[in-house]
Every structure is written in structure tokens, then in C-alpha cells.
Amino acid sequence: QDLGKILGHGKTYMSELMNGVSPFSMRDIIIIHKLFGIKLETLIPTTISEKDRVRIKTSLAELNIPKFRL
């Protein structure tokens, strides 16, 4: 409830956020980062699934853009 008040969200919406029903906004993530000193890399995963990696690599090859790499 306290975090909801700080972020400006109601109880129901905070419940959705905490249960993964709704995603945190970038604004929320930045506030959490600043408040708790949590690294943004921890709050925002930067990994790409293997399925997406294959799709992206295939697209880059089809578009003939060799300078981009994952």
C-alpha cells in the first residue's frame, strides 16, 4: 500500500502490478530505482529469448544488414 501511494496507484492497480497482471510503467521503474537504489539492469531484464534471437538473426540476414549483431 505504501509503494502504491508513492507511485500514485490505487490498491487494485497495485495488486495487478504485484501479481504480474499489469506491467510497471517506465516511470514506476525509475521511481523504484531511485527510491531503493536498485540497478536498472535488475529492474529491466536485457536478455532476449532464444526464439527471438533466431527470428532477429534471420531477419538481419534477409535484410542483408551484417553490421548489427546480438
N, C-alpha and C. Protein backbone atom coordinates (compact mmCIF):
# COMPACT_ATOMS: atom_id res chain seq x y z
N GLN A 1 0.83 -1.19 0.00
CA GLN A 1 0.00 0.00 0.00
C GLN A 1 0.87 1.25 0.00
N ASP A 2 1.95 1.21 0.77
CA ASP A 2 2.82 2.38 0.84
C ASP A 2 3.45 2.68 -0.53
N LEU A 3 3.93 1.64 -1.20
CA LEU A 3 4.52 1.85 -2.51
C LEU A 3 3.47 2.36 -3.50
N GLY A 4 2.27 1.84 -3.40
CA GLY A 4 1.18 2.32 -4.25
C GLY A 4 0.93 3.80 -4.06
N LYS A 5 0.96 4.23 -2.82
CA LYS A 5 0.76 5.65 -2.52
C LYS A 5 1.89 6.49 -3.12
N ILE A 6 3.12 6.01 -2.98
CA ILE A 6 4.27 6.73 -3.52
C ILE A 6 4.19 6.81 -5.04
N LEU A 7 3.80 5.72 -5.67
CA LEU A 7 3.71 5.69 -7.13
C LEU A 7 2.45 6.36 -7.67
N GLY A 8 1.50 6.60 -6.79
CA GLY A 8 0.25 7.24 -7.21
C GLY A 8 -0.76 6.26 -7.78
N HIS A 9 -0.70 4.99 -7.33
CA HIS A 9 -1.61 3.97 -7.82
C HIS A 9 -2.55 3.51 -6.71
N GLY A 10 -3.75 3.16 -7.10
CA GLY A 10 -4.72 2.63 -6.16
C GLY A 10 -4.40 1.19 -5.77
N LYS A 11 -5.11 0.72 -4.77
CA LYS A 11 -4.88 -0.62 -4.22
C LYS A 11 -5.08 -1.72 -5.27
N THR A 12 -6.13 -1.61 -6.05
CA THR A 12 -6.43 -2.63 -7.06
C THR A 12 -5.35 -2.69 -8.12
N TYR A 13 -4.94 -1.53 -8.61
CA TYR A 13 -3.91 -1.49 -9.65
C TYR A 13 -2.58 -1.99 -9.11
N MET A 14 -2.25 -1.65 -7.87
CA MET A 14 -1.01 -2.14 -7.26
C MET A 14 -1.04 -3.66 -7.16
N SER A 15 -2.19 -4.21 -6.84
CA SER A 15 -2.33 -5.65 -6.77
C SER A 15 -2.05 -6.28 -8.14
N GLU A 16 -2.55 -5.64 -9.19
CA GLU A 16 -2.30 -6.13 -10.55
C GLU A 16 -0.82 -6.07 -10.89
N LEU A 17 -0.16 -4.99 -10.49
CA LEU A 17 1.27 -4.86 -10.73
C LEU A 17 2.05 -5.93 -9.98
N MET A 18 1.75 -6.10 -8.72
CA MET A 18 2.49 -7.04 -7.87
C MET A 18 2.26 -8.50 -8.29
N ASN A 19 1.11 -8.78 -8.89
CA ASN A 19 0.80 -10.14 -9.32
C ASN A 19 1.13 -10.39 -10.79
N GLY A 20 1.74 -9.41 -11.45
CA GLY A 20 2.16 -9.59 -12.83
C GLY A 20 1.06 -9.50 -13.85
N VAL A 21 -0.12 -9.03 -13.43
CA VAL A 21 -1.25 -8.89 -14.37
C VAL A 21 -1.00 -7.69 -15.28
N SER A 22 -0.49 -6.60 -14.72
CA SER A 22 -0.15 -5.40 -15.48
C SER A 22 1.34 -5.13 -15.29
N PRO A 23 2.00 -4.59 -16.32
CA PRO A 23 3.42 -4.27 -16.18
C PRO A 23 3.63 -2.92 -15.51
N PHE A 24 4.74 -2.79 -14.81
CA PHE A 24 5.12 -1.48 -14.26
C PHE A 24 5.46 -0.57 -15.43
N SER A 25 5.12 0.70 -15.30
CA SER A 25 5.48 1.67 -16.33
C SER A 25 6.94 2.04 -16.16
N MET A 26 7.51 2.66 -17.19
CA MET A 26 8.90 3.12 -17.09
C MET A 26 9.02 4.13 -15.96
N ARG A 27 8.03 4.96 -15.78
CA ARG A 27 8.00 5.95 -14.68
C ARG A 27 8.09 5.24 -13.33
N ASP A 28 7.28 4.18 -13.17
CA ASP A 28 7.30 3.41 -11.93
C ASP A 28 8.68 2.81 -11.68
N ILE A 29 9.26 2.24 -12.73
CA ILE A 29 10.57 1.60 -12.60
C ILE A 29 11.64 2.62 -12.20
N ILE A 30 11.59 3.79 -12.79
CA ILE A 30 12.57 4.82 -12.45
C ILE A 30 12.40 5.27 -11.00
N ILE A 31 11.17 5.43 -10.56
CA ILE A 31 10.93 5.83 -9.16
C ILE A 31 11.44 4.74 -8.22
N ILE A 32 11.15 3.49 -8.51
CA ILE A 32 11.62 2.38 -7.67
C ILE A 32 13.15 2.34 -7.66
N HIS A 33 13.75 2.54 -8.81
CA HIS A 33 15.21 2.59 -8.93
C HIS A 33 15.79 3.69 -8.03
N LYS A 34 15.23 4.87 -8.11
CA LYS A 34 15.72 6.00 -7.31
C LYS A 34 15.48 5.79 -5.82
N LEU A 35 14.29 5.32 -5.46
CA LEU A 35 13.94 5.14 -4.04
C LEU A 35 14.80 4.09 -3.34
N PHE A 36 14.95 2.94 -4.00
CA PHE A 36 15.58 1.80 -3.35
C PHE A 36 17.01 1.54 -3.80
N GLY A 37 17.48 2.32 -4.77
CA GLY A 37 18.84 2.14 -5.26
C GLY A 37 19.05 0.81 -5.98
N ILE A 38 17.99 0.28 -6.56
CA ILE A 38 18.09 -0.98 -7.31
C ILE A 38 18.58 -0.65 -8.72
N LYS A 39 19.58 -1.36 -9.18
CA LYS A 39 20.12 -1.11 -10.52
C LYS A 39 19.03 -1.31 -11.57
N LEU A 40 19.04 -0.43 -12.57
CA LEU A 40 18.05 -0.55 -13.65
C LEU A 40 18.19 -1.89 -14.37
N GLU A 41 19.40 -2.42 -14.46
CA GLU A 41 19.62 -3.70 -15.12
C GLU A 41 18.89 -4.83 -14.39
N THR A 42 18.67 -4.65 -13.09
CA THR A 42 17.94 -5.63 -12.30
C THR A 42 16.43 -5.49 -12.54
N LEU A 43 15.98 -4.25 -12.65
CA LEU A 43 14.56 -3.98 -12.82
C LEU A 43 14.08 -4.20 -14.25
N ILE A 44 14.99 -4.05 -15.20
CA ILE A 44 14.64 -4.19 -16.61
C ILE A 44 15.55 -5.27 -17.21
N PRO A 45 15.08 -6.49 -17.31
CA PRO A 45 15.90 -7.55 -17.89
C PRO A 45 16.29 -7.21 -19.32
N THR A 46 17.53 -7.46 -19.67
CA THR A 46 18.01 -7.13 -21.02
C THR A 46 18.33 -8.38 -21.84
N THR A 47 17.85 -9.52 -21.42
CA THR A 47 18.09 -10.73 -22.17
C THR A 47 17.00 -10.92 -23.22
N ILE A 48 17.36 -11.61 -24.27
CA ILE A 48 16.42 -11.90 -25.36
C ILE A 48 16.24 -13.41 -25.41
N SER A 49 15.01 -13.85 -25.54
CA SER A 49 14.75 -15.29 -25.60
C SER A 49 15.42 -15.88 -26.84
N GLU A 50 15.70 -17.18 -26.79
CA GLU A 50 16.33 -17.86 -27.92
C GLU A 50 15.45 -17.78 -29.16
N LYS A 51 14.15 -17.89 -28.98
CA LYS A 51 13.21 -17.79 -30.10
C LYS A 51 13.33 -16.43 -30.79
N ASP A 52 13.38 -15.35 -29.99
CA ASP A 52 13.53 -14.01 -30.56
C ASP A 52 14.89 -13.82 -31.19
N ARG A 53 15.94 -14.39 -30.58
CA ARG A 53 17.29 -14.30 -31.16
C ARG A 53 17.32 -14.89 -32.57
N VAL A 54 16.74 -16.06 -32.72
CA VAL A 54 16.71 -16.73 -34.02
C VAL A 54 15.95 -15.88 -35.02
N ARG A 55 14.79 -15.37 -34.62
CA ARG A 55 13.97 -14.55 -35.52
C ARG A 55 14.72 -13.29 -35.94
N ILE A 56 15.38 -12.63 -34.99
CA ILE A 56 16.11 -11.39 -35.30
C ILE A 56 17.28 -11.67 -36.22
N LYS A 57 18.05 -12.73 -35.92
CA LYS A 57 19.19 -13.07 -36.77
C LYS A 57 18.74 -13.41 -38.19
N THR A 58 17.64 -14.12 -38.30
CA THR A 58 17.09 -14.46 -39.61
C THR A 58 16.69 -13.19 -40.36
N SER A 59 16.03 -12.29 -39.68
CA SER A 59 15.61 -11.02 -40.30
C SER A 59 16.81 -10.20 -40.75
N LEU A 60 17.84 -10.13 -39.91
CA LEU A 60 19.04 -9.37 -40.28
C LEU A 60 19.71 -9.98 -41.51
N ALA A 61 19.76 -11.30 -41.57
CA ALA A 61 20.35 -11.96 -42.74
C ALA A 61 19.52 -11.68 -43.99
N GLU A 62 18.22 -11.75 -43.87
CA GLU A 62 17.33 -11.49 -45.02
C GLU A 62 17.45 -10.05 -45.49
N LEU A 63 17.65 -9.14 -44.54
CA LEU A 63 17.77 -7.71 -44.89
C LEU A 63 19.19 -7.33 -45.29
N ASN A 64 20.09 -8.29 -45.19
CA ASN A 64 21.50 -8.08 -45.52
C ASN A 64 22.09 -6.92 -44.71
N ILE A 65 21.93 -7.01 -43.40
CA ILE A 65 22.48 -5.98 -42.51
C ILE A 65 23.49 -6.67 -41.56
N PRO A 66 24.69 -6.94 -42.06
CA PRO A 66 25.66 -7.69 -41.26
C PRO A 66 26.25 -6.89 -40.09
N LYS A 67 26.16 -5.56 -40.12
CA LYS A 67 26.80 -4.77 -39.06
C LYS A 67 26.07 -4.87 -37.72
N PHE A 68 24.80 -5.28 -37.73
CA PHE A 68 24.06 -5.45 -36.47
C PHE A 68 24.26 -6.85 -35.95
N ARG A 69 24.55 -6.97 -34.65
CA ARG A 69 24.75 -8.27 -34.03
C ARG A 69 24.08 -8.30 -32.69
N LEU A 70 23.73 -9.50 -32.25
CA LEU A 70 23.16 -9.68 -30.91
C LEU A 70 24.23 -10.20 -29.98
